Amino acid sequence: MEKKTATMISLGAAYAAGCIPCFDHLYSVAREEKITDDEVNAIIAIAKKVRSGADVVVTKTIDDFLNNREADPAREPAPNTCPCNC
């Protein structure tokens, strides 16, 4: 894959993930790769849709969890399987 394409994909992923340091760095790389502001805006428009869709799913999942938790307050907590080790 050419560097310009990889940078464009990475910019969108950084936006969708909400990673400002990554986006900031990749925006500099985008400038070096001659990616225009119009292209960046198009990338962000797509990433916004992805992020918005993910927010809907996360919100529904958490709402379902909380509603089920209220129905069964004695339920044991799930083991920590989060990769961030929170």
N, C-alpha and C. Protein backbone atom coordinates (compact mmCIF):
# COMPACT_ATOMS: atom_id res chain seq x y z
N MET A 1 0.85 -1.17 0.00
CA MET A 1 0.00 0.00 0.00
C MET A 1 0.90 1.23 0.00
N GLU A 2 0.52 2.19 -0.80
CA GLU A 2 1.32 3.41 -0.85
C GLU A 2 1.13 4.23 0.43
N LYS A 3 2.14 5.03 0.74
CA LYS A 3 2.15 5.78 2.00
C LYS A 3 0.97 6.76 2.09
N LYS A 4 0.60 7.40 0.99
CA LYS A 4 -0.50 8.36 1.01
C LYS A 4 -1.80 7.65 1.43
N THR A 5 -2.07 6.50 0.85
CA THR A 5 -3.28 5.76 1.18
C THR A 5 -3.26 5.33 2.64
N ALA A 6 -2.13 4.81 3.10
CA ALA A 6 -2.00 4.39 4.50
C ALA A 6 -2.21 5.58 5.45
N THR A 7 -1.70 6.72 5.08
CA THR A 7 -1.86 7.92 5.91
C THR A 7 -3.32 8.35 5.97
N MET A 8 -3.99 8.29 4.83
CA MET A 8 -5.40 8.66 4.79
C MET A 8 -6.24 7.73 5.68
N ILE A 9 -5.99 6.44 5.58
CA ILE A 9 -6.70 5.47 6.42
C ILE A 9 -6.39 5.73 7.89
N SER A 10 -5.13 5.97 8.19
CA SER A 10 -4.71 6.20 9.57
C SER A 10 -5.33 7.47 10.15
N LEU A 11 -5.44 8.50 9.34
CA LEU A 11 -6.10 9.74 9.81
C LEU A 11 -7.54 9.46 10.22
N GLY A 12 -8.24 8.73 9.39
CA GLY A 12 -9.63 8.39 9.70
C GLY A 12 -9.73 7.54 10.96
N ALA A 13 -8.82 6.59 11.10
CA ALA A 13 -8.82 5.73 12.29
C ALA A 13 -8.51 6.55 13.54
N ALA A 14 -7.55 7.46 13.43
CA ALA A 14 -7.20 8.30 14.58
C ALA A 14 -8.39 9.15 15.01
N TYR A 15 -9.09 9.71 14.05
CA TYR A 15 -10.27 10.50 14.38
C TYR A 15 -11.33 9.62 15.04
N ALA A 16 -11.62 8.48 14.43
CA ALA A 16 -12.66 7.59 14.94
C ALA A 16 -12.32 7.10 16.35
N ALA A 17 -11.03 6.90 16.61
CA ALA A 17 -10.60 6.44 17.94
C ALA A 17 -10.51 7.59 18.94
N GLY A 18 -10.58 8.82 18.45
CA GLY A 18 -10.48 9.98 19.33
C GLY A 18 -9.07 10.21 19.86
N CYS A 19 -8.08 9.82 19.07
CA CYS A 19 -6.69 9.96 19.52
C CYS A 19 -6.08 11.23 18.92
N ILE A 20 -6.09 12.30 19.69
CA ILE A 20 -5.58 13.59 19.22
C ILE A 20 -4.09 13.54 18.91
N PRO A 21 -3.25 12.93 19.77
CA PRO A 21 -1.82 12.88 19.43
C PRO A 21 -1.56 12.17 18.09
N CYS A 22 -2.27 11.06 17.86
CA CYS A 22 -2.11 10.35 16.59
C CYS A 22 -2.57 11.23 15.42
N PHE A 23 -3.74 11.85 15.58
CA PHE A 23 -4.25 12.70 14.51
C PHE A 23 -3.29 13.83 14.21
N ASP A 24 -2.78 14.47 15.24
CA ASP A 24 -1.85 15.59 15.08
C ASP A 24 -0.62 15.15 14.29
N HIS A 25 -0.05 14.02 14.70
CA HIS A 25 1.13 13.50 13.99
C HIS A 25 0.79 13.15 12.55
N LEU A 26 -0.31 12.44 12.36
CA LEU A 26 -0.68 12.00 11.01
C LEU A 26 -1.05 13.16 10.11
N TYR A 27 -1.58 14.23 10.69
CA TYR A 27 -1.88 15.41 9.88
C TYR A 27 -0.59 16.00 9.32
N SER A 28 0.46 15.99 10.11
CA SER A 28 1.77 16.45 9.61
C SER A 28 2.27 15.55 8.49
N VAL A 29 2.10 14.25 8.67
CA VAL A 29 2.49 13.31 7.61
C VAL A 29 1.64 13.55 6.36
N ALA A 30 0.35 13.83 6.57
CA ALA A 30 -0.55 14.09 5.44
C ALA A 30 -0.06 15.29 4.63
N ARG A 31 0.41 16.31 5.31
CA ARG A 31 0.96 17.48 4.62
C ARG A 31 2.16 17.08 3.76
N GLU A 32 3.04 16.25 4.32
CA GLU A 32 4.21 15.77 3.57
C GLU A 32 3.79 14.95 2.36
N GLU A 33 2.69 14.22 2.48
CA GLU A 33 2.20 13.37 1.39
C GLU A 33 1.29 14.13 0.42
N LYS A 34 1.20 15.43 0.61
CA LYS A 34 0.40 16.30 -0.27
C LYS A 34 -1.10 15.96 -0.24
N ILE A 35 -1.58 15.53 0.92
CA ILE A 35 -3.01 15.29 1.09
C ILE A 35 -3.66 16.64 1.34
N THR A 36 -4.65 16.97 0.55
CA THR A 36 -5.26 18.30 0.61
C THR A 36 -6.25 18.41 1.77
N ASP A 37 -6.60 19.66 2.10
CA ASP A 37 -7.61 19.88 3.13
C ASP A 37 -8.95 19.29 2.72
N ASP A 38 -9.28 19.35 1.44
CA ASP A 38 -10.52 18.73 0.96
C ASP A 38 -10.51 17.23 1.21
N GLU A 39 -9.36 16.59 0.97
CA GLU A 39 -9.26 15.15 1.22
C GLU A 39 -9.36 14.85 2.71
N VAL A 40 -8.71 15.67 3.53
CA VAL A 40 -8.78 15.47 4.98
C VAL A 40 -10.23 15.64 5.44
N ASN A 41 -10.92 16.64 4.94
CA ASN A 41 -12.33 16.84 5.31
C ASN A 41 -13.20 15.66 4.90
N ALA A 42 -12.93 15.08 3.73
CA ALA A 42 -13.68 13.90 3.29
C ALA A 42 -13.39 12.70 4.19
N ILE A 43 -12.14 12.54 4.58
CA ILE A 43 -11.75 11.46 5.49
C ILE A 43 -12.47 11.62 6.82
N ILE A 44 -12.49 12.83 7.34
CA ILE A 44 -13.13 13.10 8.63
C ILE A 44 -14.63 12.87 8.56
N ALA A 45 -15.24 13.22 7.44
CA ALA A 45 -16.69 13.00 7.28
C ALA A 45 -17.01 11.51 7.39
N ILE A 46 -16.19 10.67 6.79
CA ILE A 46 -16.39 9.22 6.88
C ILE A 46 -16.14 8.74 8.31
N ALA A 47 -15.05 9.21 8.91
CA ALA A 47 -14.70 8.79 10.27
C ALA A 47 -15.77 9.22 11.28
N LYS A 48 -16.39 10.38 11.06
CA LYS A 48 -17.47 10.83 11.94
C LYS A 48 -18.63 9.85 11.91
N LYS A 49 -18.95 9.34 10.72
CA LYS A 49 -20.04 8.37 10.59
C LYS A 49 -19.69 7.08 11.33
N VAL A 50 -18.45 6.64 11.20
CA VAL A 50 -18.01 5.43 11.90
C VAL A 50 -18.11 5.63 13.40
N ARG A 51 -17.57 6.75 13.87
CA ARG A 51 -17.57 7.02 15.31
C ARG A 51 -19.00 7.16 15.83
N SER A 52 -19.84 7.83 15.09
CA SER A 52 -21.23 8.02 15.50
C SER A 52 -21.94 6.67 15.60
N GLY A 53 -21.71 5.79 14.64
CA GLY A 53 -22.31 4.45 14.68
C GLY A 53 -21.82 3.66 15.88
N ALA A 54 -20.53 3.78 16.17
CA ALA A 54 -19.97 3.07 17.32
C ALA A 54 -20.57 3.61 18.61
N ASP A 55 -20.77 4.92 18.70
CA ASP A 55 -21.36 5.51 19.90
C ASP A 55 -22.77 4.98 20.14
N VAL A 56 -23.53 4.78 19.07
CA VAL A 56 -24.89 4.24 19.20
C VAL A 56 -24.83 2.83 19.78
N VAL A 57 -23.92 2.01 19.27
CA VAL A 57 -23.80 0.63 19.74
C VAL A 57 -23.32 0.59 21.19
N VAL A 58 -22.33 1.41 21.52
CA VAL A 58 -21.82 1.44 22.90
C VAL A 58 -22.92 1.90 23.86
N THR A 59 -23.63 2.92 23.49
CA THR A 59 -24.71 3.43 24.35
C THR A 59 -25.77 2.37 24.58
N LYS A 60 -26.18 1.69 23.52
CA LYS A 60 -27.19 0.63 23.65
C LYS A 60 -26.67 -0.51 24.52
N THR A 61 -25.44 -0.91 24.31
CA THR A 61 -24.86 -2.01 25.08
C THR A 61 -24.80 -1.66 26.56
N ILE A 62 -24.35 -0.45 26.88
CA ILE A 62 -24.26 -0.03 28.28
C ILE A 62 -25.66 0.11 28.88
N ASP A 63 -26.61 0.67 28.14
CA ASP A 63 -27.98 0.76 28.63
C ASP A 63 -28.54 -0.62 28.93
N ASP A 64 -28.32 -1.58 28.01
CA ASP A 64 -28.79 -2.95 28.23
C ASP A 64 -28.13 -3.55 29.47
N PHE A 65 -26.83 -3.32 29.62
CA PHE A 65 -26.11 -3.83 30.79
C PHE A 65 -26.70 -3.28 32.08
N LEU A 66 -26.90 -1.96 32.11
CA LEU A 66 -27.43 -1.33 33.32
C LEU A 66 -28.85 -1.80 33.63
N ASN A 67 -29.65 -1.96 32.59
CA ASN A 67 -31.02 -2.44 32.81
C ASN A 67 -31.02 -3.87 33.32
N ASN A 68 -30.14 -4.71 32.79
CA ASN A 68 -30.06 -6.10 33.26
C ASN A 68 -29.46 -6.15 34.66
N ARG A 69 -28.55 -5.25 34.95
CA ARG A 69 -27.92 -5.19 36.27
C ARG A 69 -28.98 -4.87 37.32
N GLU A 70 -29.87 -3.94 36.99
CA GLU A 70 -30.95 -3.60 37.93
C GLU A 70 -31.89 -4.77 38.15
N ALA A 71 -32.09 -5.58 37.11
CA ALA A 71 -32.98 -6.73 37.22
C ALA A 71 -32.35 -7.83 38.08
N ASP A 72 -31.03 -7.89 38.13
CA ASP A 72 -30.32 -8.92 38.89
C ASP A 72 -29.15 -8.29 39.65
N PRO A 73 -29.43 -7.55 40.73
CA PRO A 73 -28.35 -6.84 41.44
C PRO A 73 -27.33 -7.77 42.08
N ALA A 74 -27.65 -9.04 42.25
CA ALA A 74 -26.71 -9.99 42.87
C ALA A 74 -25.75 -10.58 41.84
N ARG A 75 -25.92 -10.20 40.62
CA ARG A 75 -25.06 -10.73 39.55
C ARG A 75 -23.60 -10.43 39.84
N GLU A 76 -22.76 -11.44 39.65
CA GLU A 76 -21.33 -11.28 39.88
C GLU A 76 -20.73 -10.37 38.80
N PRO A 77 -19.76 -9.54 39.15
CA PRO A 77 -19.11 -8.71 38.13
C PRO A 77 -18.33 -9.60 37.16
N ALA A 78 -18.28 -9.14 35.94
CA ALA A 78 -17.54 -9.88 34.92
C ALA A 78 -16.05 -9.75 35.17
N PRO A 79 -15.27 -10.76 34.78
CA PRO A 79 -13.82 -10.63 34.94
C PRO A 79 -13.28 -9.52 34.03
N ASN A 80 -12.16 -8.94 34.41
CA ASN A 80 -11.57 -7.87 33.62
C ASN A 80 -10.91 -8.47 32.39
N THR A 81 -11.55 -8.28 31.25
CA THR A 81 -10.99 -8.75 29.99
C THR A 81 -10.61 -7.59 29.09
N CYS A 82 -10.62 -6.40 29.65
CA CYS A 82 -10.30 -5.20 28.87
C CYS A 82 -8.81 -5.15 28.57
N PRO A 83 -8.43 -4.93 27.30
CA PRO A 83 -7.02 -4.89 26.96
C PRO A 83 -6.25 -3.72 27.57
N CYS A 84 -6.97 -2.69 28.03
CA CYS A 84 -6.27 -1.55 28.64
C CYS A 84 -6.00 -1.78 30.12
N ASN A 85 -6.43 -2.91 30.65
CA ASN A 85 -6.23 -3.26 32.06
C ASN A 85 -6.76 -2.21 33.02
N CYS A 86 -7.93 -1.65 32.70
CA CYS A 86 -8.52 -0.62 33.56
C CYS A 86 -8.98 -1.16 34.89
